[in-house]
Every structure is written in structure tokens, then in C-alpha cells.
Amino acid sequence: MEQHRTRPPQRRQTPQAPLSPLGTKGAKGTIGEGATVYRVTGAPEGRARPVAPAVLALRRLPNPRLTGIGAGLFAAAVMFLIGCADWLLFDGSAAVFGVLFLPVSALTALWVRPADLVTAPISVPIAFAIGIIPISGGTGGFGGQTMAVVTALAVHAGWLYGGTLVAGLIATVRKVRLMRSRQRRMLLAAQTARPAPQPSPAPRAAERKPRRPSQR
């Protein structure tokens, strides 16, 4: 007797739908492992947003982070050098000294670290007083030089207030931005730490109590 060999039934392989460009299986599939997701950034139609030239110039500048003492020393040293150069080149012109004092105040407020933003409006007037010594024109020893510096500060108080105002505004704007970014980080941390709501269990059907047999 010949026995016929039986082959196990083979399963038919269902054709898989082609993957979309985003790595999804079909229109309703899920993203597969190793799939590459392409993100499109930038403005629509492939055009980049225009950036102001002033913003580009500020981005090219160095961005150090100075302590409060470091920012004060930087402003005082720069203003003293400006005062000496003004005395040598422009015969102690107060206008040149005041105009150059404004960008120094702005840089001092921009380069101080966030923890010492309060020191920027304080160190700037001290730097102005130190830098005005070479162009004050005092004579007659320490007393005469001190009186000349005080007189120059009173005469050129407009430039002093202007530079202090610039430093105060920049420090205030930086402080507000830091507070907003800190609030955003706290909100994101709270949202990520919050557990996902679990679905409530479906109400169970009331169990039927067995009926007692009726007494005859």
C-alpha cells in the first residue's frame, strides 16, 4: 500500500500596503520602527523670514557673561581709556565722551550675567565718574581735582542719566524675558510630570440574586 504524504497547509501572505513618505503604513497605519520623519521648517513656499540688519549686527557681537564686579571693572576701564583718548585727541570734548558713554552702558547691561542684572545700572554711573577725571580739567591737588570732577558731573548730568537709563532698560527687558522663559519651563515640567488620566472602569452589571423557592 502506498501512503500519500500530506503537506501542512501554507498560510497565504497578505500583501502589505506601501509606506507613505512619512513612514506610515497606508493612510491609517502607525509609524514603523526605523521610519524617517521629515519635518519642514521655515516660512511657507520655502522663503526664509527676513531679519533686520540691526539684529544681524547684534548677533555677530561677542556675548560674554560677566559678573557684577567684572562688568563694573569693564565699564570703568573702558570709560577711563575713552576719557584719556578724548583729552589727547579732542581736547576733552564732553559731547564725544557722552556719546561714547551710551554704547558702553548698553554693552555693560548686555554682557552682565543674569544673576547680576541689578548691578548694571549701579556700575555705569561709577564708570562715568571715573572716566570723566581726565577731561575734568582740575588743578591744585586732590581737593581741586575732586571739585572739578563734581562740577563736571553736575554739568554733564544729562549724559549720565541717559547712559544709566539705557542700562536700566536693557537690564529690565532681560529680566522680564528670563522670568517668562522660567515660567514656560515650569509649565512644561508640570505638564510632563502630571500623570495621564486613567479611564474609569465600566459599571458592572448588577448581580442577580437567586430567587428563593416559594413556599407552598
C-alpha atoms as a PDB file:
ATOM      1  CA  MET A   1       0.000   0.000   0.000  1.00  0.00           C
ATOM      2  CA  GLU A   2       1.359   3.405  -0.946  1.00  0.00           C
ATOM      3  CA  GLN A   3       0.854   6.157   1.539  1.00  0.00           C
ATOM      4  CA  HIS A   4       0.315   9.671   0.250  1.00  0.00           C
ATOM      5  CA  ARG A   5       2.359  12.311   2.049  1.00  0.00           C
ATOM      6  CA  THR A   6       0.304  15.198   3.270  1.00  0.00           C
ATOM      7  CA  ARG A   7       1.877  18.642   3.299  1.00  0.00           C
ATOM      8  CA  PRO A   8       0.949  21.086   6.034  1.00  0.00           C
ATOM      9  CA  PRO A   9      -1.259  23.865   4.771  1.00  0.00           C
ATOM     10  CA  GLN A  10       0.748  27.005   3.995  1.00  0.00           C
ATOM     11  CA  ARG A  11      -0.501  30.383   5.067  1.00  0.00           C
ATOM     12  CA  ARG A  12      -1.013  32.905   2.388  1.00  0.00           C
ATOM     13  CA  GLN A  13       0.991  36.065   2.813  1.00  0.00           C
ATOM     14  CA  THR A  14      -1.148  39.128   2.615  1.00  0.00           C
ATOM     15  CA  PRO A  15       0.406  41.928   0.580  1.00  0.00           C
ATOM     16  CA  GLN A  16       1.489  44.896   2.681  1.00  0.00           C
ATOM     17  CA  ALA A  17       0.494  48.356   1.735  1.00  0.00           C
ATOM     18  CA  PRO A  18       3.379  50.611   0.635  1.00  0.00           C
ATOM     19  CA  LEU A  19       4.728  53.022   3.180  1.00  0.00           C
ATOM     20  CA  SER A  20       3.949  56.674   2.763  1.00  0.00           C
ATOM     21  CA  PRO A  21       6.761  59.291   2.685  1.00  0.00           C
ATOM     22  CA  LEU A  22       6.283  59.883   6.400  1.00  0.00           C
ATOM     23  CA  GLY A  23       6.928  56.251   7.236  1.00  0.00           C
ATOM     24  CA  THR A  24       3.278  55.346   7.895  1.00  0.00           C
ATOM     25  CA  LYS A  25       1.648  52.159   6.772  1.00  0.00           C
ATOM     26  CA  GLY A  26      -1.115  53.204   4.492  1.00  0.00           C
ATOM     27  CA  ALA A  27      -3.332  56.090   5.408  1.00  0.00           C
ATOM     28  CA  LYS A  28      -4.363  54.831   8.840  1.00  0.00           C
ATOM     29  CA  GLY A  29      -1.288  52.865   9.887  1.00  0.00           C
ATOM     30  CA  THR A  30       1.173  53.632  12.606  1.00  0.00           C
ATOM     31  CA  ILE A  31       4.733  54.854  12.208  1.00  0.00           C
ATOM     32  CA  GLY A  32       7.032  51.874  11.891  1.00  0.00           C
ATOM     33  CA  GLU A  33      10.334  51.349  13.591  1.00  0.00           C
ATOM     34  CA  GLY A  34      13.262  52.975  11.856  1.00  0.00           C
ATOM     35  CA  ALA A  35      10.972  55.173   9.782  1.00  0.00           C
ATOM     36  CA  THR A  36      12.272  58.615   8.995  1.00  0.00           C
ATOM     37  CA  VAL A  37      10.005  61.553   9.690  1.00  0.00           C
ATOM     38  CA  TYR A  38      10.740  64.688   7.708  1.00  0.00           C
ATOM     39  CA  ARG A  39       9.920  67.977   9.381  1.00  0.00           C
ATOM     40  CA  VAL A  40       9.518  71.068   7.316  1.00  0.00           C
ATOM     41  CA  THR A  41      10.782  74.198   8.989  1.00  0.00           C
ATOM     42  CA  GLY A  42      10.840  77.756   7.858  1.00  0.00           C
ATOM     43  CA  ALA A  43       8.389  80.023   6.167  1.00  0.00           C
ATOM     44  CA  PRO A  44       5.860  78.743   3.623  1.00  0.00           C
ATOM     45  CA  GLU A  45       6.835  78.465  -0.050  1.00  0.00           C
ATOM     46  CA  GLY A  46      10.463  77.888   1.000  1.00  0.00           C
ATOM     47  CA  ARG A  47      11.180  81.532   1.756  1.00  0.00           C
ATOM     48  CA  ALA A  48      13.089  82.472   4.888  1.00  0.00           C
ATOM     49  CA  ARG A  49      11.852  85.243   7.105  1.00  0.00           C
ATOM     50  CA  PRO A  50      13.770  88.481   6.628  1.00  0.00           C
ATOM     51  CA  VAL A  51      15.958  89.504   9.562  1.00  0.00           C
ATOM     52  CA  ALA A  52      16.659  93.139  10.344  1.00  0.00           C
ATOM     53  CA  PRO A  53      20.258  94.278   9.762  1.00  0.00           C
ATOM     54  CA  ALA A  54      20.470  95.573  13.333  1.00  0.00           C
ATOM     55  CA  VAL A  55      19.610  92.110  14.680  1.00  0.00           C
ATOM     56  CA  LEU A  56      22.262  90.521  12.470  1.00  0.00           C
ATOM     57  CA  ALA A  57      24.838  93.015  13.685  1.00  0.00           C
ATOM     58  CA  LEU A  58      23.977  92.275  17.329  1.00  0.00           C
ATOM     59  CA  ARG A  59      24.275  88.525  16.719  1.00  0.00           C
ATOM     60  CA  ARG A  60      27.797  88.963  15.372  1.00  0.00           C
ATOM     61  CA  LEU A  61      28.964  90.704  18.536  1.00  0.00           C
ATOM     62  CA  PRO A  62      30.629  88.627  21.274  1.00  0.00           C
ATOM     63  CA  ASN A  63      28.335  87.550  24.075  1.00  0.00           C
ATOM     64  CA  PRO A  64      30.387  87.094  27.267  1.00  0.00           C
ATOM     65  CA  ARG A  65      28.844  86.660  30.692  1.00  0.00           C
ATOM     66  CA  LEU A  66      30.488  88.949  33.259  1.00  0.00           C
ATOM     67  CA  THR A  67      29.869  89.040  36.966  1.00  0.00           C
ATOM     68  CA  GLY A  68      28.692  92.232  38.629  1.00  0.00           C
ATOM     69  CA  ILE A  69      32.233  93.194  39.646  1.00  0.00           C
ATOM     70  CA  GLY A  70      33.594  92.225  36.242  1.00  0.00           C
ATOM     71  CA  ALA A  71      31.004  94.343  34.446  1.00  0.00           C
ATOM     72  CA  GLY A  72      31.809  97.310  36.686  1.00  0.00           C
ATOM     73  CA  LEU A  73      35.539  96.949  36.066  1.00  0.00           C
ATOM     74  CA  PHE A  74      34.947  96.623  32.327  1.00  0.00           C
ATOM     75  CA  ALA A  75      32.839  99.802  32.192  1.00  0.00           C
ATOM     76  CA  ALA A  76      35.266 101.789  34.392  1.00  0.00           C
ATOM     77  CA  ALA A  77      38.353 100.739  32.406  1.00  0.00           C
ATOM     78  CA  VAL A  78      36.735 101.461  29.039  1.00  0.00           C
ATOM     79  CA  MET A  79      35.433 104.865  30.126  1.00  0.00           C
ATOM     80  CA  PHE A  80      38.809 105.841  31.582  1.00  0.00           C
ATOM     81  CA  LEU A  81      40.504 104.925  28.295  1.00  0.00           C
ATOM     82  CA  ILE A  82      37.855 106.888  26.388  1.00  0.00           C
ATOM     83  CA  GLY A  83      38.447 109.885  28.669  1.00  0.00           C
ATOM     84  CA  CYS A  84      42.204 109.750  28.079  1.00  0.00           C
ATOM     85  CA  ALA A  85      41.735 109.427  24.305  1.00  0.00           C
ATOM     86  CA  ASP A  86      39.241 112.307  24.351  1.00  0.00           C
ATOM     87  CA  TRP A  87      41.694 114.508  26.247  1.00  0.00           C
ATOM     88  CA  LEU A  88      44.508 113.705  23.800  1.00  0.00           C
ATOM     89  CA  LEU A  89      42.574 113.832  20.509  1.00  0.00           C
ATOM     90  CA  PHE A  90      39.596 116.140  21.057  1.00  0.00           C
ATOM     91  CA  ASP A  91      40.865 118.390  23.884  1.00  0.00           C
ATOM     92  CA  GLY A  92      38.389 116.979  26.413  1.00  0.00           C
ATOM     93  CA  SER A  93      35.162 117.248  24.394  1.00  0.00           C
ATOM     94  CA  ALA A  94      32.177 116.434  26.613  1.00  0.00           C
ATOM     95  CA  ALA A  95      29.980 115.585  23.612  1.00  0.00           C
ATOM     96  CA  VAL A  96      32.373 112.882  22.372  1.00  0.00           C
ATOM     97  CA  PHE A  97      32.682 111.457  25.870  1.00  0.00           C
ATOM     98  CA  GLY A  98      28.897 111.418  26.394  1.00  0.00           C
ATOM     99  CA  VAL A  99      28.125 109.840  23.009  1.00  0.00           C
ATOM    100  CA  LEU A 100      30.629 107.032  23.605  1.00  0.00           C
ATOM    101  CA  PHE A 101      29.269 106.521  27.109  1.00  0.00           C
ATOM    102  CA  LEU A 102      25.888 105.326  25.770  1.00  0.00           C
ATOM    103  CA  PRO A 103      27.156 102.203  23.897  1.00  0.00           C
ATOM    104  CA  VAL A 104      29.425 101.326  26.817  1.00  0.00           C
ATOM    105  CA  SER A 105      26.379 101.397  29.116  1.00  0.00           C
ATOM    106  CA  ALA A 106      24.424  99.196  26.711  1.00  0.00           C
ATOM    107  CA  LEU A 107      27.252  96.651  26.439  1.00  0.00           C
ATOM    108  CA  THR A 108      27.643  96.560  30.206  1.00  0.00           C
ATOM    109  CA  ALA A 109      23.960  95.712  30.629  1.00  0.00           C
ATOM    110  CA  LEU A 110      24.072  93.140  27.816  1.00  0.00           C
ATOM    111  CA  TRP A 111      27.198  91.325  28.951  1.00  0.00           C
ATOM    112  CA  VAL A 112      26.474  91.051  32.661  1.00  0.00           C
ATOM    113  CA  ARG A 113      25.235  87.626  33.685  1.00  0.00           C
ATOM    114  CA  PRO A 114      21.549  87.159  34.541  1.00  0.00           C
ATOM    115  CA  ALA A 115      22.198  86.764  38.270  1.00  0.00           C
ATOM    116  CA  ASP A 116      23.818  90.248  38.457  1.00  0.00           C
ATOM    117  CA  LEU A 117      21.467  92.291  36.282  1.00  0.00           C
ATOM    118  CA  VAL A 118      20.746  94.659  39.162  1.00  0.00           C
ATOM    119  CA  THR A 119      24.371  95.810  39.259  1.00  0.00           C
ATOM    120  CA  ALA A 120      24.352  97.189  35.696  1.00  0.00           C
ATOM    121  CA  PRO A 121      22.519 100.495  36.450  1.00  0.00           C
ATOM    122  CA  ILE A 122      24.731 100.919  39.539  1.00  0.00           C
ATOM    123  CA  SER A 123      28.147 100.337  37.980  1.00  0.00           C
ATOM    124  CA  VAL A 124      27.500 102.561  34.957  1.00  0.00           C
ATOM    125  CA  PRO A 125      27.411 105.920  36.856  1.00  0.00           C
ATOM    126  CA  ILE A 126      30.569 104.930  38.746  1.00  0.00           C
ATOM    127  CA  ALA A 127      32.296 104.255  35.439  1.00  0.00           C
ATOM    128  CA  PHE A 128      31.148 107.654  34.142  1.00  0.00           C
ATOM    129  CA  ALA A 129      32.653 109.377  37.196  1.00  0.00           C
ATOM    130  CA  ILE A 130      35.966 107.539  36.777  1.00  0.00           C
ATOM    131  CA  GLY A 131      36.150 108.211  33.051  1.00  0.00           C
ATOM    132  CA  ILE A 132      35.479 111.931  33.376  1.00  0.00           C
ATOM    133  CA  ILE A 133      38.565 112.512  35.544  1.00  0.00           C
ATOM    134  CA  PRO A 134      40.993 113.086  32.609  1.00  0.00           C
ATOM    135  CA  ILE A 135      38.703 115.679  30.953  1.00  0.00           C
ATOM    136  CA  SER A 136      37.513 117.489  34.081  1.00  0.00           C
ATOM    137  CA  GLY A 137      40.491 119.905  33.987  1.00  0.00           C
ATOM    138  CA  GLY A 138      41.078 120.113  37.729  1.00  0.00           C
ATOM    139  CA  THR A 139      44.237 121.645  39.185  1.00  0.00           C
ATOM    140  CA  GLY A 140      45.599 122.340  42.643  1.00  0.00           C
ATOM    141  CA  GLY A 141      45.993 118.917  44.185  1.00  0.00           C
ATOM    142  CA  PHE A 142      43.450 116.387  45.374  1.00  0.00           C
ATOM    143  CA  GLY A 143      40.888 118.945  46.558  1.00  0.00           C
ATOM    144  CA  GLY A 144      40.911 120.879  43.320  1.00  0.00           C
ATOM    145  CA  GLN A 145      40.647 117.684  41.250  1.00  0.00           C
ATOM    146  CA  THR A 146      37.709 116.461  43.338  1.00  0.00           C
ATOM    147  CA  MET A 147      35.845 119.751  42.915  1.00  0.00           C
ATOM    148  CA  ALA A 148      36.483 119.648  39.166  1.00  0.00           C
ATOM    149  CA  VAL A 149      35.063 116.122  38.921  1.00  0.00           C
ATOM    150  CA  VAL A 150      31.953 117.073  40.917  1.00  0.00           C
ATOM    151  CA  THR A 151      31.436 120.141  38.725  1.00  0.00           C
ATOM    152  CA  ALA A 152      31.818 118.072  35.527  1.00  0.00           C
ATOM    153  CA  LEU A 153      29.291 115.545  36.818  1.00  0.00           C
ATOM    154  CA  ALA A 154      26.798 118.306  37.543  1.00  0.00           C
ATOM    155  CA  VAL A 155      27.320 119.961  34.152  1.00  0.00           C
ATOM    156  CA  HIS A 156      27.140 116.763  32.122  1.00  0.00           C
ATOM    157  CA  ALA A 157      24.420 115.081  34.165  1.00  0.00           C
ATOM    158  CA  GLY A 158      22.304 114.618  31.018  1.00  0.00           C
ATOM    159  CA  TRP A 159      24.732 112.099  29.544  1.00  0.00           C
ATOM    160  CA  LEU A 160      24.993 110.392  32.932  1.00  0.00           C
ATOM    161  CA  TYR A 161      21.218 109.988  33.240  1.00  0.00           C
ATOM    162  CA  GLY A 162      20.941 108.860  29.610  1.00  0.00           C
ATOM    163  CA  GLY A 163      23.506 106.080  29.965  1.00  0.00           C
ATOM    164  CA  THR A 164      22.014 104.944  33.275  1.00  0.00           C
ATOM    165  CA  LEU A 165      18.554 104.854  31.668  1.00  0.00           C
ATOM    166  CA  VAL A 166      19.845 102.763  28.748  1.00  0.00           C
ATOM    167  CA  ALA A 167      21.465 100.268  31.111  1.00  0.00           C
ATOM    168  CA  GLY A 168      18.329 100.108  33.265  1.00  0.00           C
ATOM    169  CA  LEU A 169      16.029  99.492  30.301  1.00  0.00           C
ATOM    170  CA  ILE A 170      18.199  96.719  28.879  1.00  0.00           C
ATOM    171  CA  ALA A 171      18.515  95.054  32.281  1.00  0.00           C
ATOM    172  CA  THR A 172      14.741  95.259  32.786  1.00  0.00           C
ATOM    173  CA  VAL A 173      13.978  93.728  29.391  1.00  0.00           C
ATOM    174  CA  ARG A 174      16.423  90.892  30.028  1.00  0.00           C
ATOM    175  CA  LYS A 175      14.906  90.257  33.459  1.00  0.00           C
ATOM    176  CA  VAL A 176      11.375  90.098  32.038  1.00  0.00           C
ATOM    177  CA  ARG A 177      12.453  87.663  29.326  1.00  0.00           C
ATOM    178  CA  LEU A 178      14.175  85.456  31.881  1.00  0.00           C
ATOM    179  CA  MET A 179      11.060  85.385  34.057  1.00  0.00           C
ATOM    180  CA  ARG A 180       8.867  84.441  31.099  1.00  0.00           C
ATOM    181  CA  SER A 181      11.194  81.661  29.998  1.00  0.00           C
ATOM    182  CA  ARG A 182      11.321  80.353  33.567  1.00  0.00           C
ATOM    183  CA  GLN A 183       7.519  80.299  33.750  1.00  0.00           C
ATOM    184  CA  ARG A 184       7.348  78.403  30.460  1.00  0.00           C
ATOM    185  CA  ARG A 185       9.821  75.807  31.703  1.00  0.00           C
ATOM    186  CA  MET A 186       7.841  75.381  34.910  1.00  0.00           C
ATOM    187  CA  LEU A 187       4.604  74.898  32.971  1.00  0.00           C
ATOM    188  CA  LEU A 188       6.221  72.336  30.680  1.00  0.00           C
ATOM    189  CA  ALA A 189       7.676  70.495  33.650  1.00  0.00           C
ATOM    190  CA  ALA A 190       4.285  70.466  35.371  1.00  0.00           C
ATOM    191  CA  GLN A 191       2.570  69.149  32.246  1.00  0.00           C
ATOM    192  CA  THR A 192       5.099  66.371  31.749  1.00  0.00           C
ATOM    193  CA  ALA A 193       5.032  65.377  35.425  1.00  0.00           C
ATOM    194  CA  ARG A 194       1.235  65.252  35.539  1.00  0.00           C
ATOM    195  CA  PRO A 195       0.056  61.613  35.171  1.00  0.00           C
ATOM    196  CA  ALA A 196      -2.214  60.761  32.279  1.00  0.00           C
ATOM    197  CA  PRO A 197      -5.891  60.392  33.230  1.00  0.00           C
ATOM    198  CA  GLN A 198      -6.852  56.738  33.515  1.00  0.00           C
ATOM    199  CA  PRO A 199     -10.165  55.661  32.007  1.00  0.00           C
ATOM    200  CA  SER A 200     -12.854  54.965  34.557  1.00  0.00           C
ATOM    201  CA  PRO A 201     -13.873  51.297  34.781  1.00  0.00           C
ATOM    202  CA  ALA A 202     -17.146  50.382  33.134  1.00  0.00           C
ATOM    203  CA  PRO A 203     -20.015  49.886  35.577  1.00  0.00           C
ATOM    204  CA  ARG A 204     -20.558  46.259  36.303  1.00  0.00           C
ATOM    205  CA  ALA A 205     -23.932  44.740  35.761  1.00  0.00           C
ATOM    206  CA  ALA A 206     -25.911  44.228  38.903  1.00  0.00           C
ATOM    207  CA  GLU A 207     -25.642  40.708  40.084  1.00  0.00           C
ATOM    208  CA  ARG A 208     -28.937  38.938  40.135  1.00  0.00           C
ATOM    209  CA  LYS A 209     -29.856  37.438  43.429  1.00  0.00           C
ATOM    210  CA  PRO A 210     -31.230  33.907  43.250  1.00  0.00           C
ATOM    211  CA  ARG A 211     -34.891  33.761  43.937  1.00  0.00           C
ATOM    212  CA  ARG A 212     -35.932  31.844  46.942  1.00  0.00           C
ATOM    213  CA  PRO A 213     -38.295  28.915  46.235  1.00  0.00           C
ATOM    214  CA  SER A 214     -41.829  29.844  47.066  1.00  0.00           C
ATOM    215  CA  GLN A 215     -43.264  28.065  49.950  1.00  0.00           C
ATOM    216  CA  ARG A 216     -46.251  26.026  49.131  1.00  0.00           C
END
